[in-house]
Amino acid sequence: MLLDSESFNTPRLILRELLEEDAEALFPIWSDIRVTRYMKIDTLDTLDQAKEVIRFLHTQVSQGKHHVTPLS
């Protein structure tokens, strides 16, 4: 989790732990081929896939793996 589940704030940016509830906001981004071609992930087709990516990232962080490529 980012900064041990803490957040980092500036006047224009908030960095915080990625939550499964964020899948709805991230799905339109992760389902756009114009975005995912630069991300090393497959373009997503469903909201459930976005939730799966978030769960995958949580698992990788909890295992101490920071440089991973989900769904490739």
N, C-alpha and C. Protein backbone atom coordinates (compact mmCIF):
# COMPACT_ATOMS: atom_id res chain seq x y z
N MET A 1 0.83 -1.16 0.00
CA MET A 1 0.00 0.00 0.00
C MET A 1 0.89 1.25 0.00
N LEU A 2 0.41 2.27 -0.59
CA LEU A 2 1.20 3.48 -0.74
C LEU A 2 1.49 4.12 0.61
N LEU A 3 2.76 4.30 0.90
CA LEU A 3 3.19 4.96 2.14
C LEU A 3 2.52 4.37 3.37
N ASP A 4 2.47 3.04 3.43
CA ASP A 4 1.85 2.35 4.55
C ASP A 4 0.43 2.83 4.82
N SER A 5 -0.36 2.90 3.76
CA SER A 5 -1.77 3.28 3.82
C SER A 5 -2.00 4.74 4.20
N GLU A 6 -0.97 5.53 4.16
CA GLU A 6 -1.13 6.96 4.41
C GLU A 6 -1.31 7.65 3.07
N SER A 7 -1.68 8.90 3.12
CA SER A 7 -1.80 9.66 1.88
C SER A 7 -0.74 10.75 1.85
N PHE A 8 -0.46 11.19 0.64
CA PHE A 8 0.48 12.28 0.42
C PHE A 8 -0.28 13.33 -0.37
N ASN A 9 -0.33 14.54 0.15
CA ASN A 9 -1.13 15.59 -0.45
C ASN A 9 -0.30 16.81 -0.80
N THR A 10 -0.61 17.37 -1.96
CA THR A 10 -0.10 18.68 -2.35
C THR A 10 -1.34 19.47 -2.78
N PRO A 11 -1.19 20.75 -3.07
CA PRO A 11 -2.36 21.52 -3.49
C PRO A 11 -3.06 20.95 -4.74
N ARG A 12 -2.32 20.23 -5.61
CA ARG A 12 -2.92 19.74 -6.85
C ARG A 12 -2.94 18.23 -6.97
N LEU A 13 -2.46 17.50 -5.95
CA LEU A 13 -2.31 16.06 -6.08
C LEU A 13 -2.58 15.37 -4.75
N ILE A 14 -3.28 14.25 -4.80
CA ILE A 14 -3.46 13.39 -3.64
C ILE A 14 -3.04 11.98 -4.05
N LEU A 15 -2.03 11.45 -3.39
CA LEU A 15 -1.61 10.07 -3.59
C LEU A 15 -2.09 9.27 -2.39
N ARG A 16 -2.78 8.19 -2.67
CA ARG A 16 -3.29 7.36 -1.60
C ARG A 16 -3.36 5.92 -2.07
N GLU A 17 -3.66 5.06 -1.16
CA GLU A 17 -3.79 3.65 -1.48
C GLU A 17 -4.87 3.44 -2.55
N LEU A 18 -4.59 2.59 -3.51
CA LEU A 18 -5.56 2.24 -4.53
C LEU A 18 -6.57 1.28 -3.92
N LEU A 19 -7.84 1.60 -4.05
CA LEU A 19 -8.90 0.79 -3.47
C LEU A 19 -9.73 0.12 -4.55
N GLU A 20 -10.34 -1.00 -4.22
CA GLU A 20 -11.18 -1.69 -5.19
C GLU A 20 -12.33 -0.80 -5.66
N GLU A 21 -12.77 0.10 -4.82
CA GLU A 21 -13.83 1.04 -5.21
C GLU A 21 -13.37 2.00 -6.31
N ASP A 22 -12.07 2.12 -6.52
CA ASP A 22 -11.53 2.97 -7.58
C ASP A 22 -11.69 2.35 -8.96
N ALA A 23 -12.06 1.08 -9.01
CA ALA A 23 -12.18 0.38 -10.30
C ALA A 23 -13.15 1.08 -11.23
N GLU A 24 -14.24 1.60 -10.70
CA GLU A 24 -15.23 2.26 -11.56
C GLU A 24 -14.65 3.50 -12.24
N ALA A 25 -13.79 4.22 -11.54
CA ALA A 25 -13.17 5.41 -12.13
C ALA A 25 -12.02 5.02 -13.07
N LEU A 26 -11.33 3.93 -12.77
CA LEU A 26 -10.18 3.53 -13.59
C LEU A 26 -10.57 2.72 -14.82
N PHE A 27 -11.71 2.06 -14.79
CA PHE A 27 -12.11 1.22 -15.92
C PHE A 27 -12.14 1.98 -17.25
N PRO A 28 -12.71 3.18 -17.32
CA PRO A 28 -12.69 3.89 -18.61
C PRO A 28 -11.28 4.17 -19.13
N ILE A 29 -10.34 4.32 -18.22
CA ILE A 29 -8.95 4.57 -18.61
C ILE A 29 -8.30 3.27 -19.06
N TRP A 30 -8.44 2.22 -18.25
CA TRP A 30 -7.80 0.94 -18.53
C TRP A 30 -8.48 0.18 -19.67
N SER A 31 -9.62 0.66 -20.13
CA SER A 31 -10.30 0.01 -21.27
C SER A 31 -10.07 0.78 -22.57
N ASP A 32 -9.23 1.78 -22.52
CA ASP A 32 -8.93 2.61 -23.69
C ASP A 32 -7.59 2.20 -24.29
N ILE A 33 -7.62 1.66 -25.50
CA ILE A 33 -6.40 1.20 -26.16
C ILE A 33 -5.36 2.31 -26.30
N ARG A 34 -5.82 3.56 -26.39
CA ARG A 34 -4.87 4.68 -26.51
C ARG A 34 -4.06 4.87 -25.24
N VAL A 35 -4.58 4.38 -24.12
CA VAL A 35 -3.87 4.46 -22.84
C VAL A 35 -3.07 3.19 -22.59
N THR A 36 -3.72 2.05 -22.73
CA THR A 36 -3.08 0.80 -22.34
C THR A 36 -1.92 0.40 -23.22
N ARG A 37 -1.83 0.93 -24.42
CA ARG A 37 -0.69 0.59 -25.27
C ARG A 37 0.62 1.03 -24.62
N TYR A 38 0.57 1.98 -23.69
CA TYR A 38 1.77 2.47 -23.01
C TYR A 38 1.94 1.88 -21.61
N MET A 39 1.01 1.02 -21.19
CA MET A 39 1.00 0.55 -19.81
C MET A 39 1.48 -0.89 -19.61
N LYS A 40 1.74 -1.63 -20.66
CA LYS A 40 2.11 -3.04 -20.54
C LYS A 40 1.01 -3.86 -19.88
N ILE A 41 -0.24 -3.52 -20.13
CA ILE A 41 -1.37 -4.34 -19.70
C ILE A 41 -2.31 -4.51 -20.89
N ASP A 42 -3.07 -5.59 -20.85
CA ASP A 42 -4.10 -5.77 -21.86
C ASP A 42 -5.21 -4.75 -21.64
N THR A 43 -5.83 -4.32 -22.71
CA THR A 43 -6.98 -3.42 -22.59
C THR A 43 -8.11 -4.19 -21.93
N LEU A 44 -8.73 -3.61 -20.93
CA LEU A 44 -9.76 -4.31 -20.17
C LEU A 44 -11.10 -4.24 -20.88
N ASP A 45 -11.92 -5.27 -20.64
CA ASP A 45 -13.25 -5.34 -21.23
C ASP A 45 -14.37 -5.19 -20.20
N THR A 46 -14.06 -5.44 -18.92
CA THR A 46 -15.11 -5.41 -17.91
C THR A 46 -14.64 -4.70 -16.64
N LEU A 47 -15.60 -4.25 -15.88
CA LEU A 47 -15.31 -3.63 -14.59
C LEU A 47 -14.67 -4.66 -13.64
N ASP A 48 -15.10 -5.90 -13.73
CA ASP A 48 -14.51 -6.94 -12.89
C ASP A 48 -13.01 -7.10 -13.16
N GLN A 49 -12.59 -6.93 -14.40
CA GLN A 49 -11.17 -7.00 -14.72
C GLN A 49 -10.41 -5.86 -14.04
N ALA A 50 -11.01 -4.69 -13.97
CA ALA A 50 -10.37 -3.56 -13.28
C ALA A 50 -10.20 -3.89 -11.80
N LYS A 51 -11.20 -4.49 -11.20
CA LYS A 51 -11.11 -4.90 -9.79
C LYS A 51 -10.03 -5.95 -9.62
N GLU A 52 -9.90 -6.85 -10.58
CA GLU A 52 -8.87 -7.88 -10.54
C GLU A 52 -7.47 -7.26 -10.60
N VAL A 53 -7.29 -6.26 -11.44
CA VAL A 53 -5.99 -5.58 -11.51
C VAL A 53 -5.66 -4.95 -10.17
N ILE A 54 -6.62 -4.31 -9.55
CA ILE A 54 -6.38 -3.67 -8.24
C ILE A 54 -6.03 -4.72 -7.20
N ARG A 55 -6.74 -5.85 -7.17
CA ARG A 55 -6.41 -6.92 -6.23
C ARG A 55 -5.00 -7.45 -6.51
N PHE A 56 -4.65 -7.61 -7.78
CA PHE A 56 -3.32 -8.07 -8.16
C PHE A 56 -2.26 -7.10 -7.64
N LEU A 57 -2.47 -5.82 -7.84
CA LEU A 57 -1.49 -4.83 -7.38
C LEU A 57 -1.35 -4.85 -5.87
N HIS A 58 -2.45 -5.02 -5.15
CA HIS A 58 -2.40 -5.13 -3.69
C HIS A 58 -1.54 -6.33 -3.28
N THR A 59 -1.75 -7.45 -3.95
CA THR A 59 -0.97 -8.66 -3.65
C THR A 59 0.51 -8.43 -3.90
N GLN A 60 0.83 -7.81 -5.01
CA GLN A 60 2.23 -7.55 -5.34
C GLN A 60 2.89 -6.63 -4.33
N VAL A 61 2.19 -5.60 -3.91
CA VAL A 61 2.75 -4.68 -2.93
C VAL A 61 2.93 -5.39 -1.59
N SER A 62 1.96 -6.19 -1.19
CA SER A 62 2.07 -6.89 0.09
C SER A 62 3.21 -7.90 0.10
N GLN A 63 3.59 -8.39 -1.08
CA GLN A 63 4.71 -9.33 -1.20
C GLN A 63 6.03 -8.62 -1.46
N GLY A 64 6.01 -7.30 -1.48
CA GLY A 64 7.23 -6.54 -1.67
C GLY A 64 7.69 -6.44 -3.11
N LYS A 65 6.80 -6.76 -4.04
CA LYS A 65 7.14 -6.68 -5.46
C LYS A 65 6.58 -5.36 -6.00
N HIS A 66 7.46 -4.46 -6.37
CA HIS A 66 7.01 -3.12 -6.78
C HIS A 66 6.99 -2.93 -8.28
N HIS A 67 7.80 -3.65 -9.03
CA HIS A 67 7.89 -3.47 -10.48
C HIS A 67 7.29 -4.70 -11.15
N VAL A 68 5.98 -4.67 -11.36
CA VAL A 68 5.28 -5.82 -11.91
C VAL A 68 4.47 -5.41 -13.12
N THR A 69 4.08 -6.38 -13.90
CA THR A 69 3.27 -6.13 -15.07
C THR A 69 2.03 -7.01 -14.99
N PRO A 70 0.88 -6.46 -14.56
CA PRO A 70 -0.32 -7.28 -14.44
C PRO A 70 -0.93 -7.60 -15.80
N LEU A 71 -1.55 -8.75 -15.90
CA LEU A 71 -2.33 -9.16 -17.06
C LEU A 71 -1.58 -9.11 -18.38
N SER A 72 -0.30 -9.42 -18.37
CA SER A 72 0.41 -9.42 -19.65
C SER A 72 0.89 -10.80 -20.01
